[in-house]
Amino acid sequence: MDETQLWTLIGDQGEREPLITPGEARAAVQLLRREGSPVADELAVRLARRLPAEE
């Protein structure tokens, strides 16, 4: 899948459903940040915004 297709996927603002646990989401954010591509960075930001604040 090329970068344009990935941008299209993350741009789709359809109905949201909880698919992963907060811990899984935090792990995904860390992995995406290591990726270094603009699409991965944007997806990491979007996921991180939805996570509850860590205490």
PDB file of N, CA and C in Angstrom:
ATOM      1  N   MET A   1       0.852  -1.160   0.000  1.00  0.00           N
ATOM      2  CA  MET A   1       0.000   0.000   0.000  1.00  0.00           C
ATOM      3  C   MET A   1       0.907   1.235   0.000  1.00  0.00           C
ATOM      4  N   ASP A   2       0.629   2.184  -0.889  1.00  0.00           N
ATOM      5  CA  ASP A   2       1.476   3.368  -0.954  1.00  0.00           C
ATOM      6  C   ASP A   2       0.999   4.445   0.032  1.00  0.00           C
ATOM      7  N   GLU A   3       1.798   5.508   0.149  1.00  0.00           N
ATOM      8  CA  GLU A   3       1.511   6.547   1.142  1.00  0.00           C
ATOM      9  C   GLU A   3       0.184   7.250   0.874  1.00  0.00           C
ATOM     10  N   THR A   4      -0.161   7.455  -0.378  1.00  0.00           N
ATOM     11  CA  THR A   4      -1.437   8.105  -0.707  1.00  0.00           C
ATOM     12  C   THR A   4      -2.608   7.275  -0.206  1.00  0.00           C
ATOM     13  N   GLN A   5      -2.544   5.980  -0.391  1.00  0.00           N
ATOM     14  CA  GLN A   5      -3.619   5.100   0.093  1.00  0.00           C
ATOM     15  C   GLN A   5      -3.694   5.118   1.612  1.00  0.00           C
ATOM     16  N   LEU A   6      -2.539   5.175   2.280  1.00  0.00           N
ATOM     17  CA  LEU A   6      -2.540   5.235   3.745  1.00  0.00           C
ATOM     18  C   LEU A   6      -3.173   6.529   4.245  1.00  0.00           C
ATOM     19  N   TRP A   7      -2.856   7.660   3.592  1.00  0.00           N
ATOM     20  CA  TRP A   7      -3.480   8.933   3.973  1.00  0.00           C
ATOM     21  C   TRP A   7      -4.991   8.859   3.801  1.00  0.00           C
ATOM     22  N   THR A   8      -5.448   8.206   2.747  1.00  0.00           N
ATOM     23  CA  THR A   8      -6.882   8.058   2.520  1.00  0.00           C
ATOM     24  C   THR A   8      -7.521   7.253   3.649  1.00  0.00           C
ATOM     25  N   LEU A   9      -6.864   6.190   4.075  1.00  0.00           N
ATOM     26  CA  LEU A   9      -7.400   5.361   5.162  1.00  0.00           C
ATOM     27  C   LEU A   9      -7.522   6.133   6.462  1.00  0.00           C
ATOM     28  N   ILE A  10      -6.496   6.892   6.831  1.00  0.00           N
ATOM     29  CA  ILE A  10      -6.584   7.596   8.114  1.00  0.00           C
ATOM     30  C   ILE A  10      -7.443   8.848   8.015  1.00  0.00           C
ATOM     31  N   GLY A  11      -7.723   9.306   6.794  1.00  0.00           N
ATOM     32  CA  GLY A  11      -8.583  10.468   6.608  1.00  0.00           C
ATOM     33  C   GLY A  11     -10.057  10.140   6.682  1.00  0.00           C
ATOM     34  N   ASP A  12     -10.412   8.874   6.551  1.00  0.00           N
ATOM     35  CA  ASP A  12     -11.813   8.450   6.612  1.00  0.00           C
ATOM     36  C   ASP A  12     -12.339   8.677   8.023  1.00  0.00           C
ATOM     37  N   GLN A  13     -13.321   9.551   8.156  1.00  0.00           N
ATOM     38  CA  GLN A  13     -13.868   9.880   9.472  1.00  0.00           C
ATOM     39  C   GLN A  13     -15.190   9.168   9.726  1.00  0.00           C
ATOM     40  N   GLY A  14     -15.246   7.909   9.380  1.00  0.00           N
ATOM     41  CA  GLY A  14     -16.456   7.112   9.610  1.00  0.00           C
ATOM     42  C   GLY A  14     -16.687   6.876  11.100  1.00  0.00           C
ATOM     43  N   GLU A  15     -17.683   6.084  11.393  1.00  0.00           N
ATOM     44  CA  GLU A  15     -18.036   5.776  12.779  1.00  0.00           C
ATOM     45  C   GLU A  15     -16.876   5.069  13.479  1.00  0.00           C
ATOM     46  N   ARG A  16     -16.602   5.488  14.698  1.00  0.00           N
ATOM     47  CA  ARG A  16     -15.497   4.905  15.459  1.00  0.00           C
ATOM     48  C   ARG A  16     -16.010   3.785  16.361  1.00  0.00           C
ATOM     49  N   GLU A  17     -15.191   2.766  16.496  1.00  0.00           N
ATOM     50  CA  GLU A  17     -15.491   1.662  17.386  1.00  0.00           C
ATOM     51  C   GLU A  17     -14.224   1.327  18.155  1.00  0.00           C
ATOM     52  N   PRO A  18     -14.350   0.996  19.448  1.00  0.00           N
ATOM     53  CA  PRO A  18     -13.152   0.610  20.193  1.00  0.00           C
ATOM     54  C   PRO A  18     -12.656  -0.751  19.709  1.00  0.00           C
ATOM     55  N   LEU A  19     -11.449  -0.767  19.214  1.00  0.00           N
ATOM     56  CA  LEU A  19     -10.922  -2.009  18.655  1.00  0.00           C
ATOM     57  C   LEU A  19      -9.763  -2.580  19.456  1.00  0.00           C
ATOM     58  N   ILE A  20      -9.089  -1.723  20.233  1.00  0.00           N
ATOM     59  CA  ILE A  20      -7.934  -2.184  21.005  1.00  0.00           C
ATOM     60  C   ILE A  20      -7.983  -1.587  22.404  1.00  0.00           C
ATOM     61  N   THR A  21      -7.244  -2.195  23.308  1.00  0.00           N
ATOM     62  CA  THR A  21      -7.186  -1.690  24.679  1.00  0.00           C
ATOM     63  C   THR A  21      -6.285  -0.455  24.726  1.00  0.00           C
ATOM     64  N   PRO A  22      -6.405   0.353  25.774  1.00  0.00           N
ATOM     65  CA  PRO A  22      -5.507   1.504  25.912  1.00  0.00           C
ATOM     66  C   PRO A  22      -4.026   1.101  25.910  1.00  0.00           C
ATOM     67  N   GLY A  23      -3.702  -0.018  26.531  1.00  0.00           N
ATOM     68  CA  GLY A  23      -2.313  -0.476  26.545  1.00  0.00           C
ATOM     69  C   GLY A  23      -1.816  -0.843  25.152  1.00  0.00           C
ATOM     70  N   GLU A  24      -2.670  -1.504  24.387  1.00  0.00           N
ATOM     71  CA  GLU A  24      -2.313  -1.836  23.005  1.00  0.00           C
ATOM     72  C   GLU A  24      -2.144  -0.567  22.175  1.00  0.00           C
ATOM     73  N   ALA A  25      -3.004   0.413  22.403  1.00  0.00           N
ATOM     74  CA  ALA A  25      -2.903   1.678  21.671  1.00  0.00           C
ATOM     75  C   ALA A  25      -1.600   2.402  22.012  1.00  0.00           C
ATOM     76  N   ARG A  26      -1.214   2.411  23.297  1.00  0.00           N
ATOM     77  CA  ARG A  26       0.054   3.048  23.684  1.00  0.00           C
ATOM     78  C   ARG A  26       1.239   2.367  22.996  1.00  0.00           C
ATOM     79  N   ALA A  27       1.203   1.042  22.940  1.00  0.00           N
ATOM     80  CA  ALA A  27       2.275   0.301  22.270  1.00  0.00           C
ATOM     81  C   ALA A  27       2.297   0.629  20.781  1.00  0.00           C
ATOM     82  N   ALA A  28       1.128   0.716  20.162  1.00  0.00           N
ATOM     83  CA  ALA A  28       1.052   1.055  18.745  1.00  0.00           C
ATOM     84  C   ALA A  28       1.601   2.452  18.488  1.00  0.00           C
ATOM     85  N   VAL A  29       1.291   3.400  19.370  1.00  0.00           N
ATOM     86  CA  VAL A  29       1.816   4.762  19.237  1.00  0.00           C
ATOM     87  C   VAL A  29       3.339   4.747  19.256  1.00  0.00           C
ATOM     88  N   GLN A  30       3.919   4.018  20.192  1.00  0.00           N
ATOM     89  CA  GLN A  30       5.386   3.952  20.277  1.00  0.00           C
ATOM     90  C   GLN A  30       5.987   3.331  19.016  1.00  0.00           C
ATOM     91  N   LEU A  31       5.386   2.278  18.513  1.00  0.00           N
ATOM     92  CA  LEU A  31       5.892   1.638  17.294  1.00  0.00           C
ATOM     93  C   LEU A  31       5.756   2.558  16.080  1.00  0.00           C
ATOM     94  N   LEU A  32       4.630   3.263  15.983  1.00  0.00           N
ATOM     95  CA  LEU A  32       4.431   4.175  14.858  1.00  0.00           C
ATOM     96  C   LEU A  32       5.432   5.325  14.893  1.00  0.00           C
ATOM     97  N   ARG A  33       5.737   5.821  16.078  1.00  0.00           N
ATOM     98  CA  ARG A  33       6.708   6.924  16.194  1.00  0.00           C
ATOM     99  C   ARG A  33       8.091   6.492  15.732  1.00  0.00           C
ATOM    100  N   ARG A  34       8.427   5.232  15.890  1.00  0.00           N
ATOM    101  CA  ARG A  34       9.721   4.713  15.427  1.00  0.00           C
ATOM    102  C   ARG A  34       9.763   4.593  13.905  1.00  0.00           C
ATOM    103  N   GLU A  35       8.598   4.438  13.285  1.00  0.00           N
ATOM    104  CA  GLU A  35       8.513   4.248  11.838  1.00  0.00           C
ATOM    105  C   GLU A  35       9.113   5.428  11.083  1.00  0.00           C
ATOM    106  N   GLY A  36       8.775   6.643  11.483  1.00  0.00           N
ATOM    107  CA  GLY A  36       9.375   7.826  10.884  1.00  0.00           C
ATOM    108  C   GLY A  36       8.720   8.367   9.625  1.00  0.00           C
ATOM    109  N   SER A  37       7.673   7.729   9.122  1.00  0.00           N
ATOM    110  CA  SER A  37       7.008   8.280   7.939  1.00  0.00           C
ATOM    111  C   SER A  37       5.950   9.288   8.381  1.00  0.00           C
ATOM    112  N   PRO A  38       5.633  10.266   7.539  1.00  0.00           N
ATOM    113  CA  PRO A  38       4.605  11.252   7.903  1.00  0.00           C
ATOM    114  C   PRO A  38       3.252  10.623   8.229  1.00  0.00           C
ATOM    115  N   VAL A  39       2.874   9.582   7.510  1.00  0.00           N
ATOM    116  CA  VAL A  39       1.590   8.920   7.782  1.00  0.00           C
ATOM    117  C   VAL A  39       1.623   8.250   9.149  1.00  0.00           C
ATOM    118  N   ALA A  40       2.705   7.565   9.477  1.00  0.00           N
ATOM    119  CA  ALA A  40       2.828   6.910  10.779  1.00  0.00           C
ATOM    120  C   ALA A  40       2.816   7.952  11.893  1.00  0.00           C
ATOM    121  N   ASP A  41       3.502   9.079  11.677  1.00  0.00           N
ATOM    122  CA  ASP A  41       3.515  10.144  12.686  1.00  0.00           C
ATOM    123  C   ASP A  41       2.115  10.686  12.938  1.00  0.00           C
ATOM    124  N   GLU A  42       1.359  10.928  11.873  1.00  0.00           N
ATOM    125  CA  GLU A  42       0.002  11.452  12.014  1.00  0.00           C
ATOM    126  C   GLU A  42      -0.901  10.447  12.721  1.00  0.00           C
ATOM    127  N   LEU A  43      -0.798   9.192  12.367  1.00  0.00           N
ATOM    128  CA  LEU A  43      -1.615   8.173  13.014  1.00  0.00           C
ATOM    129  C   LEU A  43      -1.255   8.061  14.497  1.00  0.00           C
ATOM    130  N   ALA A  44       0.022   8.148  14.820  1.00  0.00           N
ATOM    131  CA  ALA A  44       0.449   8.116  16.223  1.00  0.00           C
ATOM    132  C   ALA A  44      -0.156   9.279  16.997  1.00  0.00           C
ATOM    133  N   VAL A  45      -0.164  10.456  16.405  1.00  0.00           N
ATOM    134  CA  VAL A  45      -0.758  11.633  17.060  1.00  0.00           C
ATOM    135  C   VAL A  45      -2.248  11.417  17.297  1.00  0.00           C
ATOM    136  N   ARG A  46      -2.931  10.912  16.281  1.00  0.00           N
ATOM    137  CA  ARG A  46      -4.384  10.696  16.422  1.00  0.00           C
ATOM    138  C   ARG A  46      -4.700   9.673  17.505  1.00  0.00           C
ATOM    139  N   LEU A  47      -3.946   8.594  17.553  1.00  0.00           N
ATOM    140  CA  LEU A  47      -4.170   7.586  18.593  1.00  0.00           C
ATOM    141  C   LEU A  47      -3.845   8.146  19.981  1.00  0.00           C
ATOM    142  N   ALA A  48      -2.743   8.853  20.090  1.00  0.00           N
ATOM    143  CA  ALA A  48      -2.315   9.383  21.381  1.00  0.00           C
ATOM    144  C   ALA A  48      -3.344  10.375  21.936  1.00  0.00           C
ATOM    145  N   ARG A  49      -3.961  11.152  21.074  1.00  0.00           N
ATOM    146  CA  ARG A  49      -4.991  12.113  21.515  1.00  0.00           C
ATOM    147  C   ARG A  49      -6.189  11.418  22.149  1.00  0.00           C
ATOM    148  N   ARG A  50      -6.481  10.209  21.730  1.00  0.00           N
ATOM    149  CA  ARG A  50      -7.660   9.494  22.243  1.00  0.00           C
ATOM    150  C   ARG A  50      -7.382   8.684  23.505  1.00  0.00           C
ATOM    151  N   LEU A  51      -6.113   8.545  23.847  1.00  0.00           N
ATOM    152  CA  LEU A  51      -5.782   7.776  25.038  1.00  0.00           C
ATOM    153  C   LEU A  51      -6.054   8.589  26.296  1.00  0.00           C
ATOM    154  N   PRO A  52      -6.484   7.931  27.361  1.00  0.00           N
ATOM    155  CA  PRO A  52      -6.650   8.650  28.631  1.00  0.00           C
ATOM    156  C   PRO A  52      -5.261   9.068  29.134  1.00  0.00           C
ATOM    157  N   ALA A  53      -5.235  10.188  29.840  1.00  0.00           N
ATOM    158  CA  ALA A  53      -3.969  10.694  30.379  1.00  0.00           C
ATOM    159  C   ALA A  53      -3.384   9.674  31.358  1.00  0.00           C
ATOM    160  N   GLU A  54      -2.075   9.501  31.280  1.00  0.00           N
ATOM    161  CA  GLU A  54      -1.410   8.596  32.210  1.00  0.00           C
ATOM    162  C   GLU A  54      -1.196   9.317  33.525  1.00  0.00           C
ATOM    163  N   GLU A  55      -1.393   8.607  34.603  1.00  0.00           N
ATOM    164  CA  GLU A  55      -1.218   9.223  35.922  1.00  0.00           C
ATOM    165  C   GLU A  55       0.101   8.892  36.516  1.00  0.00           C
TER     166      GLU A  55
END
